[in-house]
Amino acid sequence: MAAGGTGGHVYPAIAIADALRDRYGAEIMFVGQQNRLEAKLVPDAGYEIRFIRSGVFYRKNLIKNVKSAARLLNAVSKAKKIIKEFNPDIVVGTGGYISAPTVLAAQQLGIKTAVHEQNAFLGMATRIVSKKADLLFLSFDRNANTAAAKKIIISGNPVRSDFQNRDREVCRRELLVDARPLIYVSGGSQGAGKINFSMVDFLASEENRLAYNIILSTGTQYYDEIKDEIKNRGFVLPDNITIVPYAENVPDIMAAADLVIARSGAITLAEIAVTGLPSILVPSPNVTDDHQYYNAKAFSDAGAALLIKEDDFSAETLSEALKSIFGSKNGLASMAKAAKTLAKPDALDIIVDNVKALLG
């Protein structure tokens, strides 16, 4: 398995590895970078990981790309050594800059390869290696016309089973949610400053505080700052507003929620779709190729979400959006239905079954 950089690349890789191991007794080894998220997540999941460095590609800086190309060639060489030692039947890449040299190395050694692309915009690592890949798994139909591989399969993104088939009313009772709409707000595990501080502005209005149940997951780095900001602004939060640094029970919260406000990472969107949740999506502008915007646009175009760019996201725009969504007779139901059409609950089965079929 070759994956790295962010949870959006690493979590699908771990899910695929777990299924291959549990169903077929596969022996798994990961390749990643030592200073990135995979260095913790992969060992925690019980897998061996070997580390190499890889270059970052810049679309608008050719000088930097010369250095990155040199690092890429060095990474391919080191990946070949690791692959020869492990002698795998297949190398599966799920994205991140470490994925490209590892999959390239396998292709040059004549080993079968599979690539999984989580986002609605093909990442550069995917573009580099997919043309010679035996299998290319896509999460969005829109990529099928621009991608190239020996075999292309629309699989979707693997989602933990915890997000499926949960009882909404049971979850609402356990979370002590009353009849008012429940809105779950999250900028991810690290949080999003613009979302957090806009929510403080939103909650400064008593009308807003009383209209909704809200669970705001600030991210650990913002939690104390947000709590202090609310205290300094001099308003008190009622019991229907909950602020936490990190939500441990996200499947329960999303099952109970009427709407989610979130970034538009691919795994987050897969969870939203499987849950059938209407959403307001605020793409992060600080990601490669602006891929979160394209992820969000796919949901917006399908009628499953309202897309608000970060620069436009504020207490005022949020208030207007919520009044429009909740004030419409069929607004929520229509968005929820559209979200469900984007869900791929069998994504993991599709990926694992096709990998097994390729190997015979």
Protein backbone atom coordinates (compact mmCIF):
# COMPACT_ATOMS: atom_id res chain seq x y z
CA MET A 1 0.00 0.00 0.00
CA ALA A 2 1.32 3.43 -0.92
CA ALA A 3 -0.45 6.35 0.73
CA GLY A 4 0.47 9.52 2.51
CA GLY A 5 0.10 13.10 3.52
CA THR A 6 -3.48 13.36 4.71
CA GLY A 7 -6.16 11.21 6.29
CA GLY A 8 -8.06 11.41 3.01
CA HIS A 9 -5.33 9.29 1.43
CA VAL A 10 -4.35 7.14 4.41
CA TYR A 11 -7.75 6.09 5.78
CA PRO A 12 -8.93 4.54 2.48
CA ALA A 13 -5.62 2.68 2.24
CA ILE A 14 -6.06 1.24 5.73
CA ALA A 15 -9.66 0.25 4.97
CA ILE A 16 -8.55 -1.55 1.80
CA ALA A 17 -5.66 -3.21 3.64
CA ASP A 18 -7.95 -4.39 6.44
CA ALA A 19 -10.37 -5.96 3.98
CA LEU A 20 -7.64 -7.69 1.96
CA ARG A 21 -6.09 -9.03 5.15
CA ASP A 22 -9.34 -10.11 6.82
CA ARG A 23 -10.96 -11.67 3.75
CA TYR A 24 -8.00 -13.20 1.98
CA GLY A 25 -5.19 -13.35 4.54
CA ALA A 26 -3.11 -10.86 2.58
CA GLU A 27 0.26 -9.81 3.93
CA ILE A 28 0.41 -6.01 3.84
CA MET A 29 3.20 -3.49 3.95
CA PHE A 30 2.87 0.30 3.60
CA VAL A 31 5.21 2.84 2.06
CA GLY A 32 4.95 6.42 3.30
CA GLN A 33 6.86 9.46 4.53
CA GLN A 34 8.24 9.64 8.04
CA ASN A 35 7.07 13.15 8.89
CA ARG A 36 3.49 12.77 7.70
CA LEU A 37 0.22 11.44 9.13
CA GLU A 38 0.77 7.89 7.89
CA ALA A 39 3.75 7.52 10.24
CA LYS A 40 1.27 7.37 13.14
CA LEU A 41 -1.94 6.04 11.58
CA VAL A 42 -0.43 3.00 9.84
CA PRO A 43 1.43 1.51 12.85
CA ASP A 44 -1.63 2.25 15.01
CA ALA A 45 -3.63 0.13 12.56
CA GLY A 46 -1.16 -2.71 13.03
CA TYR A 47 0.81 -2.55 9.78
CA GLU A 48 4.50 -2.35 8.96
CA ILE A 49 5.53 0.83 7.15
CA ARG A 50 8.72 1.72 5.33
CA PHE A 51 9.66 5.34 4.70
CA ILE A 52 11.02 7.17 1.67
CA ARG A 53 11.05 10.84 0.67
CA SER A 54 9.33 12.19 -2.41
CA GLY A 55 9.21 15.52 -4.17
CA VAL A 56 6.25 17.89 -4.31
CA PHE A 57 5.10 19.10 -7.73
CA TYR A 58 4.27 22.73 -8.37
CA ARG A 59 2.04 23.54 -11.34
CA LYS A 60 3.41 27.07 -11.69
CA ASN A 61 7.04 26.79 -10.59
CA LEU A 62 9.28 24.96 -13.05
CA ILE A 63 12.46 25.63 -11.05
CA LYS A 64 11.06 23.92 -7.97
CA ASN A 65 9.83 21.08 -10.16
CA VAL A 66 13.37 20.36 -11.36
CA LYS A 67 14.36 19.66 -7.75
CA SER A 68 11.19 17.68 -7.17
CA ALA A 69 11.84 15.57 -10.26
CA ALA A 70 15.27 14.66 -8.89
CA ARG A 71 13.70 13.65 -5.58
CA LEU A 72 11.07 11.64 -7.45
CA LEU A 73 13.71 9.66 -9.33
CA ASN A 74 15.53 8.98 -6.06
CA ALA A 75 12.25 7.93 -4.45
CA VAL A 76 11.51 5.52 -7.31
CA SER A 77 14.93 3.95 -6.83
CA LYS A 78 14.38 3.49 -3.09
CA ALA A 79 10.84 2.20 -3.65
CA LYS A 80 12.21 -0.43 -6.05
CA LYS A 81 14.53 -1.69 -3.34
CA ILE A 82 11.68 -1.95 -0.83
CA ILE A 83 9.42 -3.68 -3.36
CA LYS A 84 12.08 -6.22 -4.33
CA GLU A 85 12.60 -7.10 -0.66
CA PHE A 86 8.87 -7.49 0.04
CA ASN A 87 8.05 -9.09 -3.33
CA PRO A 88 4.33 -8.16 -3.47
CA ASP A 89 1.73 -9.45 -5.93
CA ILE A 90 0.29 -5.96 -6.28
CA VAL A 91 0.99 -2.37 -5.22
CA VAL A 92 -2.06 -0.25 -4.42
CA GLY A 93 -1.69 3.54 -4.35
CA THR A 94 -4.31 5.77 -2.76
CA GLY A 95 -2.70 9.15 -3.36
CA GLY A 96 -0.33 11.60 -1.79
CA TYR A 97 3.06 12.39 -3.23
CA ILE A 98 4.53 9.15 -1.90
CA SER A 99 2.07 7.15 -3.99
CA ALA A 100 3.49 8.10 -7.38
CA PRO A 101 7.10 6.89 -6.98
CA THR A 102 6.02 3.66 -5.30
CA VAL A 103 3.47 2.77 -7.99
CA LEU A 104 5.92 3.84 -10.72
CA ALA A 105 8.58 1.59 -9.22
CA ALA A 106 6.19 -1.36 -9.23
CA GLN A 107 5.22 -0.72 -12.86
CA GLN A 108 8.86 -0.60 -13.91
CA LEU A 109 9.42 -3.91 -12.12
CA GLY A 110 6.49 -5.53 -13.92
CA ILE A 111 4.30 -5.80 -10.80
CA LYS A 112 0.56 -5.25 -11.04
CA THR A 113 -0.72 -1.92 -9.75
CA ALA A 114 -4.03 -0.39 -8.70
CA VAL A 115 -4.75 3.28 -7.97
CA HIS A 116 -7.63 4.80 -6.00
CA GLU A 117 -8.54 8.47 -6.54
CA GLN A 118 -10.71 9.95 -3.78
CA ASN A 119 -11.36 13.40 -5.22
CA ALA A 120 -13.47 14.87 -8.01
CA PHE A 121 -10.32 16.37 -9.53
CA LEU A 122 -7.61 13.90 -10.48
CA GLY A 123 -4.51 14.50 -8.38
CA MET A 124 -1.13 14.83 -10.04
CA ALA A 125 0.10 11.58 -8.46
CA THR A 126 -2.87 9.80 -10.02
CA ARG A 127 -2.26 11.36 -13.43
CA ILE A 128 1.38 10.26 -13.37
CA VAL A 129 0.76 6.59 -12.61
CA SER A 130 -2.76 5.73 -13.76
CA LYS A 131 -2.07 5.30 -17.49
CA LYS A 132 -0.10 2.11 -16.87
CA ALA A 133 -2.13 0.98 -13.86
CA ASP A 134 -4.01 -2.31 -14.15
CA LEU A 135 -6.91 -0.86 -12.16
CA LEU A 136 -7.99 2.73 -11.58
CA PHE A 137 -10.75 3.22 -9.01
CA LEU A 138 -12.59 6.54 -9.23
CA SER A 139 -14.90 8.07 -6.65
CA PHE A 140 -16.70 10.47 -9.01
CA ASP A 141 -18.24 9.68 -12.39
CA ARG A 142 -17.00 12.99 -13.78
CA ASN A 143 -13.40 11.71 -13.79
CA ALA A 144 -14.14 8.80 -16.11
CA ASN A 145 -13.84 10.92 -19.27
CA THR A 146 -10.47 12.42 -18.34
CA ALA A 147 -8.77 9.42 -16.75
CA ALA A 148 -6.70 6.72 -18.41
CA ALA A 149 -5.84 3.21 -17.25
CA LYS A 150 -6.04 -0.41 -18.41
CA LYS A 151 -9.36 -0.71 -16.54
CA ILE A 152 -11.41 2.09 -14.95
CA ILE A 153 -13.99 1.34 -12.24
CA ILE A 154 -16.31 3.81 -10.49
CA SER A 155 -16.03 2.58 -6.92
CA GLY A 156 -16.62 5.54 -4.64
CA ASN A 157 -14.76 6.07 -1.39
CA PRO A 158 -14.63 3.41 1.33
CA VAL A 159 -16.63 4.48 4.41
CA ARG A 160 -16.53 2.89 7.85
CA SER A 161 -19.51 0.65 8.54
CA ASP A 162 -20.23 2.79 11.65
CA PHE A 163 -21.83 5.39 9.38
CA GLN A 164 -24.39 3.03 7.92
CA ASN A 165 -27.77 1.85 9.24
CA ARG A 166 -27.84 3.89 12.45
CA ASP A 167 -31.17 4.69 14.12
CA ARG A 168 -31.75 8.44 13.86
CA GLU A 169 -34.21 8.70 16.76
CA VAL A 170 -32.04 6.62 19.09
CA CYS A 171 -29.03 8.82 18.28
CA ARG A 172 -31.03 12.01 18.88
CA ARG A 173 -32.21 10.74 22.28
CA GLU A 174 -28.69 9.75 23.29
CA LEU A 175 -27.41 13.20 22.28
CA LEU A 176 -30.30 14.88 24.18
CA VAL A 177 -31.49 16.64 21.03
CA ASP A 178 -34.91 18.28 21.15
CA ALA A 179 -37.33 18.93 18.27
CA ARG A 180 -35.29 21.83 16.83
CA PRO A 181 -33.05 21.06 13.83
CA LEU A 182 -29.61 19.70 14.70
CA ILE A 183 -26.68 21.21 12.79
CA TYR A 184 -23.24 19.59 12.98
CA VAL A 185 -20.37 21.96 12.19
CA SER A 186 -16.82 20.74 11.65
CA GLY A 187 -13.69 21.96 9.91
CA GLY A 188 -11.97 18.60 10.36
CA SER A 189 -9.69 17.31 13.11
CA GLN A 190 -7.42 20.36 12.83
CA GLY A 191 -10.34 22.76 12.55
CA ALA A 192 -10.93 25.69 10.21
CA GLY A 193 -10.47 29.22 11.55
CA LYS A 194 -12.88 30.91 9.14
CA ILE A 195 -15.67 28.46 9.96
CA ASN A 196 -15.04 28.63 13.71
CA PHE A 197 -14.98 32.41 14.02
CA SER A 198 -17.93 32.83 11.68
CA MET A 199 -19.84 30.46 13.96
CA VAL A 200 -18.98 32.68 16.94
CA ASP A 201 -20.47 35.63 15.04
CA PHE A 202 -23.50 33.51 14.18
CA LEU A 203 -24.02 32.42 17.80
CA ALA A 204 -23.72 36.00 19.05
CA SER A 205 -27.31 36.42 17.83
CA GLU A 206 -29.84 35.20 20.38
CA GLU A 207 -32.25 34.40 17.55
CA ASN A 208 -29.71 32.01 16.04
CA ARG A 209 -28.84 30.46 19.40
CA LEU A 210 -32.48 29.62 20.05
CA ALA A 211 -33.41 28.42 16.56
CA TYR A 212 -31.14 25.38 16.29
CA ASN A 213 -29.36 22.61 18.14
CA ILE A 214 -25.71 22.96 17.17
CA ILE A 215 -22.68 20.77 17.75
CA LEU A 216 -19.52 22.67 16.80
CA SER A 217 -16.30 20.67 16.56
CA THR A 218 -13.61 23.34 16.52
CA GLY A 219 -10.52 21.20 16.10
CA THR A 220 -8.07 20.89 18.97
CA GLN A 221 -5.93 23.88 18.03
CA TYR A 222 -8.89 26.30 18.00
CA TYR A 223 -10.93 25.07 20.97
CA ASP A 224 -9.51 27.27 23.75
CA GLU A 225 -9.39 30.30 21.48
CA ILE A 226 -13.04 29.90 20.48
CA LYS A 227 -14.19 29.40 24.07
CA ASP A 228 -12.27 32.51 25.13
CA GLU A 229 -13.72 34.50 22.23
CA ILE A 230 -17.27 33.61 23.28
CA LYS A 231 -16.50 34.54 26.86
CA ASN A 232 -14.99 37.86 25.79
CA ARG A 233 -18.02 38.60 23.60
CA GLY A 234 -20.17 38.33 26.72
CA PHE A 235 -22.88 35.91 25.64
CA VAL A 236 -23.81 32.61 27.28
CA LEU A 237 -24.50 29.48 25.28
CA PRO A 238 -27.72 27.61 26.09
CA ASP A 239 -27.79 23.81 26.51
CA ASN A 240 -28.76 23.26 22.88
CA ILE A 241 -25.34 24.56 21.73
CA THR A 242 -22.38 22.24 22.28
CA ILE A 243 -18.76 23.10 21.51
CA VAL A 244 -16.10 20.38 21.56
CA PRO A 245 -12.47 20.26 20.40
CA TYR A 246 -13.03 16.99 18.56
CA ALA A 247 -16.15 14.87 18.12
CA GLU A 248 -15.46 11.24 18.95
CA ASN A 249 -18.96 10.02 18.05
CA VAL A 250 -19.28 11.44 14.54
CA PRO A 251 -21.40 8.54 13.17
CA ASP A 252 -23.98 9.13 15.93
CA ILE A 253 -23.95 12.89 15.42
CA MET A 254 -24.38 12.64 11.67
CA ALA A 255 -27.19 10.10 12.02
CA ALA A 256 -28.99 12.51 14.35
CA ALA A 257 -28.25 15.69 12.39
CA ASP A 258 -30.51 17.52 9.96
CA LEU A 259 -27.65 19.36 8.26
CA VAL A 260 -23.86 19.41 8.32
CA ILE A 261 -21.56 22.37 7.70
CA ALA A 262 -18.11 21.13 6.74
CA ARG A 263 -15.07 21.22 4.55
CA SER A 264 -15.30 19.07 1.43
CA GLY A 265 -12.57 16.48 1.78
CA ALA A 266 -13.42 13.33 -0.14
CA ILE A 267 -13.87 11.07 2.89
CA THR A 268 -16.07 13.63 4.66
CA LEU A 269 -18.29 13.78 1.58
CA ALA A 270 -18.47 9.99 1.36
CA GLU A 271 -19.68 9.91 4.97
CA ILE A 272 -22.22 12.66 4.26
CA ALA A 273 -23.53 10.78 1.22
CA VAL A 274 -23.86 7.43 2.97
CA THR A 275 -25.69 9.15 5.83
CA GLY A 276 -27.93 11.02 3.39
CA LEU A 277 -27.28 14.40 4.97
CA PRO A 278 -27.96 17.81 3.43
CA SER A 279 -24.86 19.98 3.71
CA ILE A 280 -23.35 23.40 3.43
CA LEU A 281 -19.82 22.92 2.11
CA VAL A 282 -17.01 25.41 2.61
CA PRO A 283 -14.04 24.08 0.60
CA SER A 284 -10.57 24.67 1.95
CA PRO A 285 -8.64 26.96 -0.43
CA ASN A 286 -5.34 25.62 0.90
CA VAL A 287 -5.26 22.25 -0.87
CA THR A 288 -3.55 20.93 -3.98
CA ASP A 289 -5.32 21.75 -7.26
CA ASP A 290 -8.20 23.28 -5.29
CA HIS A 291 -9.65 19.76 -5.25
CA GLN A 292 -12.03 20.45 -2.36
CA TYR A 293 -13.85 23.00 -4.52
CA TYR A 294 -14.41 20.40 -7.24
CA ASN A 295 -15.54 17.85 -4.62
CA ALA A 296 -18.07 20.35 -3.27
CA LYS A 297 -19.20 21.35 -6.75
CA ALA A 298 -20.05 17.73 -7.57
CA PHE A 299 -22.39 17.69 -4.56
CA SER A 300 -23.75 21.15 -5.32
CA ASP A 301 -24.42 20.26 -8.96
CA ALA A 302 -26.33 17.17 -7.82
CA GLY A 303 -28.52 19.29 -5.51
CA ALA A 304 -27.11 17.64 -2.39
CA ALA A 305 -25.30 20.66 -0.97
CA LEU A 306 -24.97 24.41 -0.93
CA LEU A 307 -21.43 25.49 -1.83
CA ILE A 308 -20.10 28.63 -0.13
CA LYS A 309 -16.52 29.69 -0.83
CA GLU A 310 -14.49 30.46 2.27
CA ASP A 311 -14.19 34.18 1.42
CA ASP A 312 -17.99 34.38 1.24
CA PHE A 313 -18.70 32.39 4.39
CA SER A 314 -19.92 34.56 7.27
CA ALA A 315 -22.60 34.72 9.95
CA GLU A 316 -24.79 36.67 7.55
CA THR A 317 -24.47 34.31 4.58
CA LEU A 318 -24.92 31.31 6.87
CA SER A 319 -28.05 32.76 8.46
CA GLU A 320 -29.55 33.43 5.04
CA ALA A 321 -28.64 29.96 3.81
CA LEU A 322 -30.18 28.22 6.82
CA LYS A 323 -33.40 30.22 6.59
CA SER A 324 -33.63 29.32 2.91
CA ILE A 325 -32.97 25.62 3.44
CA PHE A 326 -35.17 25.12 6.50
CA GLY A 327 -37.82 27.52 5.22
CA SER A 328 -38.32 25.58 2.00
CA LYS A 329 -41.08 22.99 2.07
CA ASN A 330 -39.03 20.22 0.48
CA GLY A 331 -35.54 21.70 0.72
CA LEU A 332 -34.06 19.31 3.26
CA ALA A 333 -35.74 16.23 1.84
CA SER A 334 -34.60 17.05 -1.67
CA MET A 335 -31.00 17.60 -0.59
CA ALA A 336 -30.99 14.41 1.48
CA LYS A 337 -32.31 12.38 -1.44
CA ALA A 338 -29.66 13.85 -3.74
CA ALA A 339 -26.93 13.07 -1.21
CA LYS A 340 -28.02 9.44 -1.09
CA THR A 341 -27.71 9.17 -4.87
CA LEU A 342 -24.02 10.05 -4.52
CA ALA A 343 -23.38 7.36 -1.90
CA LYS A 344 -21.35 4.28 -2.72
CA PRO A 345 -21.90 2.08 0.36
CA ASP A 346 -20.32 -0.91 -1.40
CA ALA A 347 -17.14 0.97 -2.39
CA LEU A 348 -14.83 -1.20 -0.31
CA ASP A 349 -16.32 -4.42 -1.71
CA ILE A 350 -15.90 -3.14 -5.28
CA ILE A 351 -12.26 -2.29 -4.71
CA VAL A 352 -11.27 -5.45 -2.85
CA ASP A 353 -13.20 -7.80 -5.13
CA ASN A 354 -11.59 -6.31 -8.24
CA VAL A 355 -8.11 -6.48 -6.73
CA LYS A 356 -8.70 -10.14 -5.89
CA ALA A 357 -10.05 -10.85 -9.39
CA LEU A 358 -7.00 -9.22 -10.96
CA LEU A 359 -4.69 -11.50 -8.97
CA GLY A 360 -6.80 -14.59 -9.67
